[in-house]
Amino acid sequence: MSKKETVTIKGNEIVFYKKEQEDYISLTDIAKVRDADNPSQIISLWLRTYSTIEYLGLWEMLNNLDFKPHIYEGFKNESAKPHFWMSPLKWITETNAKGMISKAGRYGGGTFAHSDIAFKFAAWISAEFESYSPSFPNSLSRMSGRGKWFSVSNAIKVLFFPGYNSL
């Protein structure tokens, strides 16, 4: 793992880092915006929906040559049933996913996801975030010339807080 950066949203620090030239964002930290005491439960609730499994499978098929689509198809079919439950670790280990990372530990542990996946999760957490997400690419392009970490963290602030103006 490379250098970590953070941004504070609604009193919660959200960790970002770069892995193999890709941005990964802490889903655990984002989930704390909804429920500070049970962020892993929030992530698992998101992972059990059909649309989430479908999105994650498509993302992995487009970005991961080692992904196991036959396992994904089974999960997708099961996700339509009311008893279906998914954890980040189960998704990662059984499908060989690379879009999510699950790390054990009190300090530095949690679930991290590629920025594409993290923004999808954040949209699920907050309707406010989702309603502003179409402007996300424009926010990044207007911030061009600044460091990428600045762009990602400020774009999150802009999308979570419409009154925040760093552009």
Foldseek 3Di string as FASTA:
>chain_A
DDDWDWAADPNFTKIWDDDPNFIKIFQLRLQCVVPVVCSQVLVFVQCLALVLLVVQLVVCVVPPPQFDVVVSVVSNVCSVDPVDTDGPVCRCVPGVGDQKDAADDDPPGHIMGTPVSSLVSSCVSDVQLVVCVVCLVVQLVVPPPDDPVVSVNVSSVCSSPVVDDPD
